[in-house]
Amino acid sequence: MPTIDLAFAVLATEPIPADHGYHLYGALSRVLPQLHQSNGIAVHPILGQQIGDRQLQVTDRSRLVLRADADQIGQLIALSGQQLDIAGHRVRVGVPRVWTLRAAPAVRSRLVTIKGFLDLEPFQAAARRQLDALGVSPEAQLLLGKRRTLRIREKEVVGYEVRVEGLTADESLTLQERGLGGRRHMGCGVFVPARIPQAGTDR
């Protein structure tokens, strides 16, 4: 069963937190309790306009994007028409479109977190081991970018922006399907092609 991105239009009259992964997961779980299960569903961060004070303005190009197996579309479509409460900020979910994954020689994730690995060099080694486990060639380049955090309640989880280059088509799709690290329900470890518009905006 192929993996797809199900992209919902979103409408919000007020900004949402820029660091919204945990709160978005909570809002989605209230509508889709199955997100608590180990079902491979990943949630992309909502992209929009950074307006300062750790706030994000949702635009007409913003999307709520869930990555899942195609046979899960029937369950996820229940989000259409719902109103999500993201840390007290209301977001209306519109009609979805199905996007197929595209192989690309370079992919990136805004934030990858790996439990127990906070410093750059140990983190890079742990990420490389996960790439090896996915069958990605050692010739593929693993590049770490900014150190970033994800706030979960009163705790900040540390990770890094990650880019992987020199992938074959099969490696690229596998990495997009499986991701790296944990907390994919909260927007971590979700990879998109690096040289085309990212998931969360119109392609």
C-alpha atoms as a PDB file:
ATOM      1  CA  MET A   1       0.000   0.000   0.000  1.00  0.00           C
ATOM      2  CA  PRO A   2       1.593   3.327  -1.074  1.00  0.00           C
ATOM      3  CA  THR A   3       2.297   6.101   1.400  1.00  0.00           C
ATOM      4  CA  ILE A   4       0.646   9.447   0.642  1.00  0.00           C
ATOM      5  CA  ASP A   5       0.328  12.937   2.068  1.00  0.00           C
ATOM      6  CA  LEU A   6      -3.262  13.959   2.798  1.00  0.00           C
ATOM      7  CA  ALA A   7      -3.257  17.761   2.685  1.00  0.00           C
ATOM      8  CA  PHE A   8      -6.149  19.703   4.218  1.00  0.00           C
ATOM      9  CA  ALA A   9      -6.763  23.382   3.620  1.00  0.00           C
ATOM     10  CA  VAL A  10      -6.823  25.305   6.914  1.00  0.00           C
ATOM     11  CA  LEU A  11      -8.365  28.589   7.973  1.00  0.00           C
ATOM     12  CA  ALA A  12      -7.494  30.582  11.078  1.00  0.00           C
ATOM     13  CA  THR A  13      -8.404  34.130  12.060  1.00  0.00           C
ATOM     14  CA  GLU A  14      -5.660  34.348  14.689  1.00  0.00           C
ATOM     15  CA  PRO A  15      -2.024  33.231  14.818  1.00  0.00           C
ATOM     16  CA  ILE A  16      -1.010  29.838  16.190  1.00  0.00           C
ATOM     17  CA  PRO A  17       2.178  29.016  18.132  1.00  0.00           C
ATOM     18  CA  ALA A  18       5.179  28.589  15.848  1.00  0.00           C
ATOM     19  CA  ASP A  19       6.207  25.614  18.015  1.00  0.00           C
ATOM     20  CA  HIS A  20       2.862  23.830  17.714  1.00  0.00           C
ATOM     21  CA  GLY A  21       3.769  20.162  17.185  1.00  0.00           C
ATOM     22  CA  TYR A  22       2.652  18.910  20.591  1.00  0.00           C
ATOM     23  CA  HIS A  23      -0.496  21.055  20.680  1.00  0.00           C
ATOM     24  CA  LEU A  24      -1.468  20.066  17.129  1.00  0.00           C
ATOM     25  CA  TYR A  25      -1.040  16.406  18.049  1.00  0.00           C
ATOM     26  CA  GLY A  26      -3.340  16.896  21.025  1.00  0.00           C
ATOM     27  CA  ALA A  27      -5.953  18.670  18.913  1.00  0.00           C
ATOM     28  CA  LEU A  28      -5.868  15.973  16.247  1.00  0.00           C
ATOM     29  CA  SER A  29      -6.051  13.189  18.818  1.00  0.00           C
ATOM     30  CA  ARG A  30      -9.306  14.572  20.163  1.00  0.00           C
ATOM     31  CA  VAL A  31     -10.813  14.052  16.702  1.00  0.00           C
ATOM     32  CA  LEU A  32      -8.787  10.978  15.680  1.00  0.00           C
ATOM     33  CA  PRO A  33      -8.007   8.862  18.777  1.00  0.00           C
ATOM     34  CA  GLN A  34      -6.200   6.359  16.553  1.00  0.00           C
ATOM     35  CA  LEU A  35      -3.251   8.794  16.402  1.00  0.00           C
ATOM     36  CA  HIS A  36      -2.252   7.396  19.797  1.00  0.00           C
ATOM     37  CA  GLN A  37      -1.621   4.028  18.150  1.00  0.00           C
ATOM     38  CA  SER A  38       1.549   2.857  16.410  1.00  0.00           C
ATOM     39  CA  ASN A  39       0.050   3.170  12.940  1.00  0.00           C
ATOM     40  CA  GLY A  40       2.809   4.979  11.068  1.00  0.00           C
ATOM     41  CA  ILE A  41       0.840   8.215  10.689  1.00  0.00           C
ATOM     42  CA  ALA A  42       3.045  11.311  10.688  1.00  0.00           C
ATOM     43  CA  VAL A  43       1.966  14.949  10.986  1.00  0.00           C
ATOM     44  CA  HIS A  44       3.804  17.681   9.115  1.00  0.00           C
ATOM     45  CA  PRO A  45       4.310  21.042  10.830  1.00  0.00           C
ATOM     46  CA  ILE A  46       1.859  23.644   9.545  1.00  0.00           C
ATOM     47  CA  LEU A  47       3.771  26.193   7.520  1.00  0.00           C
ATOM     48  CA  GLY A  48       2.840  29.857   7.417  1.00  0.00           C
ATOM     49  CA  GLN A  49       4.209  33.353   7.999  1.00  0.00           C
ATOM     50  CA  GLN A  50       6.432  33.916  11.034  1.00  0.00           C
ATOM     51  CA  ILE A  51       5.215  37.116  12.701  1.00  0.00           C
ATOM     52  CA  GLY A  52       7.484  37.227  15.758  1.00  0.00           C
ATOM     53  CA  ASP A  53       6.877  36.448  19.428  1.00  0.00           C
ATOM     54  CA  ARG A  54       6.984  32.718  18.536  1.00  0.00           C
ATOM     55  CA  GLN A  55       3.747  33.086  16.559  1.00  0.00           C
ATOM     56  CA  LEU A  56       2.796  31.795  13.105  1.00  0.00           C
ATOM     57  CA  GLN A  57       0.140  33.328  10.851  1.00  0.00           C
ATOM     58  CA  VAL A  58      -1.793  30.755   8.849  1.00  0.00           C
ATOM     59  CA  THR A  59      -2.079  31.831   5.195  1.00  0.00           C
ATOM     60  CA  ASP A  60      -4.167  30.688   2.237  1.00  0.00           C
ATOM     61  CA  ARG A  61      -1.230  28.471   1.243  1.00  0.00           C
ATOM     62  CA  SER A  62      -0.923  26.756   4.627  1.00  0.00           C
ATOM     63  CA  ARG A  63      -1.928  23.123   4.857  1.00  0.00           C
ATOM     64  CA  LEU A  64      -2.451  20.513   7.532  1.00  0.00           C
ATOM     65  CA  VAL A  65      -0.666  17.492   6.079  1.00  0.00           C
ATOM     66  CA  LEU A  66      -0.824  13.935   7.388  1.00  0.00           C
ATOM     67  CA  ARG A  67       1.467  11.242   5.982  1.00  0.00           C
ATOM     68  CA  ALA A  68      -0.098   7.796   6.043  1.00  0.00           C
ATOM     69  CA  ASP A  69      -0.746   4.642   4.066  1.00  0.00           C
ATOM     70  CA  ALA A  70      -3.323   5.179   1.331  1.00  0.00           C
ATOM     71  CA  ASP A  71      -5.725   2.718   2.963  1.00  0.00           C
ATOM     72  CA  GLN A  72      -5.998   5.066   5.973  1.00  0.00           C
ATOM     73  CA  ILE A  73      -7.529   7.908   3.961  1.00  0.00           C
ATOM     74  CA  GLY A  74     -11.035   6.792   4.884  1.00  0.00           C
ATOM     75  CA  GLN A  75     -10.274   7.268   8.594  1.00  0.00           C
ATOM     76  CA  LEU A  76      -8.426  10.556   8.221  1.00  0.00           C
ATOM     77  CA  ILE A  77     -11.052  12.214   6.040  1.00  0.00           C
ATOM     78  CA  ALA A  78     -13.075  12.706   9.243  1.00  0.00           C
ATOM     79  CA  LEU A  79     -10.900  15.778   9.908  1.00  0.00           C
ATOM     80  CA  SER A  80     -12.593  17.690   7.102  1.00  0.00           C
ATOM     81  CA  GLY A  81     -14.928  20.322   8.521  1.00  0.00           C
ATOM     82  CA  GLN A  82     -13.583  20.011  12.062  1.00  0.00           C
ATOM     83  CA  GLN A  83     -12.429  22.876  14.254  1.00  0.00           C
ATOM     84  CA  LEU A  84      -9.133  22.225  16.033  1.00  0.00           C
ATOM     85  CA  ASP A  85      -8.102  23.879  19.281  1.00  0.00           C
ATOM     86  CA  ILE A  86      -4.330  24.384  19.076  1.00  0.00           C
ATOM     87  CA  ALA A  87      -3.269  25.746  22.468  1.00  0.00           C
ATOM     88  CA  GLY A  88      -6.404  27.864  22.609  1.00  0.00           C
ATOM     89  CA  HIS A  89      -6.169  28.995  19.000  1.00  0.00           C
ATOM     90  CA  ARG A  90      -8.950  27.856  16.661  1.00  0.00           C
ATOM     91  CA  VAL A  91      -8.177  26.402  13.240  1.00  0.00           C
ATOM     92  CA  ARG A  92     -10.856  25.229  10.818  1.00  0.00           C
ATOM     93  CA  VAL A  93      -9.976  22.218   8.646  1.00  0.00           C
ATOM     94  CA  GLY A  94     -11.158  22.251   5.051  1.00  0.00           C
ATOM     95  CA  VAL A  95     -11.271  19.833   2.152  1.00  0.00           C
ATOM     96  CA  PRO A  96      -8.213  17.606   1.593  1.00  0.00           C
ATOM     97  CA  ARG A  97      -6.190  16.708  -1.461  1.00  0.00           C
ATOM     98  CA  VAL A  98      -4.034  13.622  -1.901  1.00  0.00           C
ATOM     99  CA  TRP A  99      -0.363  14.194  -2.713  1.00  0.00           C
ATOM    100  CA  THR A 100       1.836  11.304  -3.779  1.00  0.00           C
ATOM    101  CA  LEU A 101       5.389  11.180  -2.443  1.00  0.00           C
ATOM    102  CA  ARG A 102       8.046  12.279  -4.893  1.00  0.00           C
ATOM    103  CA  ALA A 103      11.519  10.803  -5.009  1.00  0.00           C
ATOM    104  CA  ALA A 104      14.252  13.444  -4.810  1.00  0.00           C
ATOM    105  CA  PRO A 105      18.035  13.100  -4.421  1.00  0.00           C
ATOM    106  CA  ALA A 106      17.960  15.427  -1.385  1.00  0.00           C
ATOM    107  CA  VAL A 107      15.389  15.525   1.392  1.00  0.00           C
ATOM    108  CA  ARG A 108      15.150  17.511   4.613  1.00  0.00           C
ATOM    109  CA  SER A 109      13.323  17.505   7.918  1.00  0.00           C
ATOM    110  CA  ARG A 110      12.872  20.683   9.926  1.00  0.00           C
ATOM    111  CA  LEU A 111      13.405  18.809  13.198  1.00  0.00           C
ATOM    112  CA  VAL A 112      14.590  15.292  14.023  1.00  0.00           C
ATOM    113  CA  THR A 113      14.692  14.121  17.640  1.00  0.00           C
ATOM    114  CA  ILE A 114      16.411  10.926  18.815  1.00  0.00           C
ATOM    115  CA  LYS A 115      15.875   9.993  22.432  1.00  0.00           C
ATOM    116  CA  GLY A 116      19.073  10.176  24.478  1.00  0.00           C
ATOM    117  CA  PHE A 117      21.098  12.032  21.849  1.00  0.00           C
ATOM    118  CA  LEU A 118      21.381  15.790  22.349  1.00  0.00           C
ATOM    119  CA  ASP A 119      24.907  16.766  21.305  1.00  0.00           C
ATOM    120  CA  LEU A 120      25.796  17.099  17.653  1.00  0.00           C
ATOM    121  CA  GLU A 121      28.340  14.318  17.116  1.00  0.00           C
ATOM    122  CA  PRO A 122      26.504  11.551  19.044  1.00  0.00           C
ATOM    123  CA  PHE A 123      23.259  12.648  17.374  1.00  0.00           C
ATOM    124  CA  GLN A 124      24.831  12.443  13.934  1.00  0.00           C
ATOM    125  CA  ALA A 125      26.170   8.956  14.645  1.00  0.00           C
ATOM    126  CA  ALA A 126      22.751   7.800  15.882  1.00  0.00           C
ATOM    127  CA  ALA A 127      21.038   9.242  12.798  1.00  0.00           C
ATOM    128  CA  ARG A 128      23.570   7.495  10.559  1.00  0.00           C
ATOM    129  CA  ARG A 129      22.815   4.172  12.258  1.00  0.00           C
ATOM    130  CA  GLN A 130      19.127   4.695  11.560  1.00  0.00           C
ATOM    131  CA  LEU A 131      19.873   5.455   7.902  1.00  0.00           C
ATOM    132  CA  ASP A 132      21.908   2.241   7.733  1.00  0.00           C
ATOM    133  CA  ALA A 133      18.968   0.318   9.178  1.00  0.00           C
ATOM    134  CA  LEU A 134      16.735   1.730   6.431  1.00  0.00           C
ATOM    135  CA  GLY A 135      19.159   0.498   3.775  1.00  0.00           C
ATOM    136  CA  VAL A 136      20.438   3.950   2.815  1.00  0.00           C
ATOM    137  CA  SER A 137      23.907   3.766   1.262  1.00  0.00           C
ATOM    138  CA  PRO A 138      26.887   5.086   3.274  1.00  0.00           C
ATOM    139  CA  GLU A 139      27.599   7.282   0.248  1.00  0.00           C
ATOM    140  CA  ALA A 140      24.529   9.393   1.027  1.00  0.00           C
ATOM    141  CA  GLN A 141      25.503  12.579   2.877  1.00  0.00           C
ATOM    142  CA  LEU A 142      23.949  13.269   6.266  1.00  0.00           C
ATOM    143  CA  LEU A 143      24.022  17.000   7.045  1.00  0.00           C
ATOM    144  CA  LEU A 144      22.877  18.577  10.299  1.00  0.00           C
ATOM    145  CA  GLY A 145      21.560  22.117  10.370  1.00  0.00           C
ATOM    146  CA  LYS A 146      20.154  24.268  13.147  1.00  0.00           C
ATOM    147  CA  ARG A 147      19.688  22.898  16.616  1.00  0.00           C
ATOM    148  CA  ARG A 148      15.973  23.183  17.354  1.00  0.00           C
ATOM    149  CA  THR A 149      13.602  22.350  20.190  1.00  0.00           C
ATOM    150  CA  LEU A 150      10.070  21.015  20.558  1.00  0.00           C
ATOM    151  CA  ARG A 151       8.141  22.073  23.664  1.00  0.00           C
ATOM    152  CA  ILE A 152       6.119  19.299  25.288  1.00  0.00           C
ATOM    153  CA  ARG A 153       4.266  20.676  28.293  1.00  0.00           C
ATOM    154  CA  GLU A 154       7.029  22.261  30.406  1.00  0.00           C
ATOM    155  CA  LYS A 155       9.854  20.310  28.759  1.00  0.00           C
ATOM    156  CA  GLU A 156      11.905  21.210  25.701  1.00  0.00           C
ATOM    157  CA  VAL A 157      13.055  18.299  23.553  1.00  0.00           C
ATOM    158  CA  VAL A 158      16.261  18.971  21.616  1.00  0.00           C
ATOM    159  CA  GLY A 159      16.920  17.932  18.030  1.00  0.00           C
ATOM    160  CA  TYR A 160      18.385  19.137  14.749  1.00  0.00           C
ATOM    161  CA  GLU A 161      17.388  20.110  11.271  1.00  0.00           C
ATOM    162  CA  VAL A 162      18.514  17.221   9.064  1.00  0.00           C
ATOM    163  CA  ARG A 163      19.240  17.032   5.368  1.00  0.00           C
ATOM    164  CA  VAL A 164      20.221  13.888   3.459  1.00  0.00           C
ATOM    165  CA  GLU A 165      21.727  14.182  -0.025  1.00  0.00           C
ATOM    166  CA  GLY A 166      22.814  11.741  -2.713  1.00  0.00           C
ATOM    167  CA  LEU A 167      19.832   9.400  -2.371  1.00  0.00           C
ATOM    168  CA  THR A 168      18.581   6.956  -4.950  1.00  0.00           C
ATOM    169  CA  ALA A 169      14.877   7.103  -5.790  1.00  0.00           C
ATOM    170  CA  ASP A 170      14.145   4.051  -3.619  1.00  0.00           C
ATOM    171  CA  GLU A 171      16.183   5.435  -0.702  1.00  0.00           C
ATOM    172  CA  SER A 172      14.437   8.788  -0.956  1.00  0.00           C
ATOM    173  CA  LEU A 173      10.961   7.264  -0.834  1.00  0.00           C
ATOM    174  CA  THR A 174      11.910   4.913   2.002  1.00  0.00           C
ATOM    175  CA  LEU A 175      13.238   7.792   4.091  1.00  0.00           C
ATOM    176  CA  GLN A 176      10.118   9.851   3.421  1.00  0.00           C
ATOM    177  CA  GLU A 177       7.897   6.891   4.332  1.00  0.00           C
ATOM    178  CA  ARG A 178       9.744   5.852   7.489  1.00  0.00           C
ATOM    179  CA  GLY A 179      11.457   9.014   8.735  1.00  0.00           C
ATOM    180  CA  LEU A 180      14.146   9.262  11.397  1.00  0.00           C
ATOM    181  CA  GLY A 181      13.896   9.447  15.167  1.00  0.00           C
ATOM    182  CA  GLY A 182      10.662   9.674  17.116  1.00  0.00           C
ATOM    183  CA  ARG A 183       7.672  11.935  17.709  1.00  0.00           C
ATOM    184  CA  ARG A 184       6.520  11.838  14.092  1.00  0.00           C
ATOM    185  CA  HIS A 185       2.978  12.503  15.333  1.00  0.00           C
ATOM    186  CA  MET A 186       4.330  15.862  16.513  1.00  0.00           C
ATOM    187  CA  GLY A 187       6.018  16.875  13.276  1.00  0.00           C
ATOM    188  CA  CYS A 188       9.494  15.464  13.969  1.00  0.00           C
ATOM    189  CA  GLY A 189      11.483  13.331  11.545  1.00  0.00           C
ATOM    190  CA  VAL A 190       9.139  13.965   8.609  1.00  0.00           C
ATOM    191  CA  PHE A 191      11.138  14.414   5.396  1.00  0.00           C
ATOM    192  CA  VAL A 192      10.222  16.323   2.250  1.00  0.00           C
ATOM    193  CA  PRO A 193      12.127  16.952  -1.000  1.00  0.00           C
ATOM    194  CA  ALA A 194      14.649  19.699  -0.398  1.00  0.00           C
ATOM    195  CA  ARG A 195      14.498  21.458  -3.767  1.00  0.00           C
ATOM    196  CA  ILE A 196      10.745  21.716  -4.293  1.00  0.00           C
ATOM    197  CA  PRO A 197       8.076  23.485  -2.186  1.00  0.00           C
ATOM    198  CA  GLN A 198       7.694  21.688   1.145  1.00  0.00           C
ATOM    199  CA  ALA A 199       4.643  19.811   2.337  1.00  0.00           C
ATOM    200  CA  GLY A 200       2.381  22.253   4.078  1.00  0.00           C
ATOM    201  CA  THR A 201       2.141  24.568   1.041  1.00  0.00           C
ATOM    202  CA  ASP A 202       0.642  24.092  -2.428  1.00  0.00           C
ATOM    203  CA  ARG A 203       2.930  22.130  -4.713  1.00  0.00           C
END
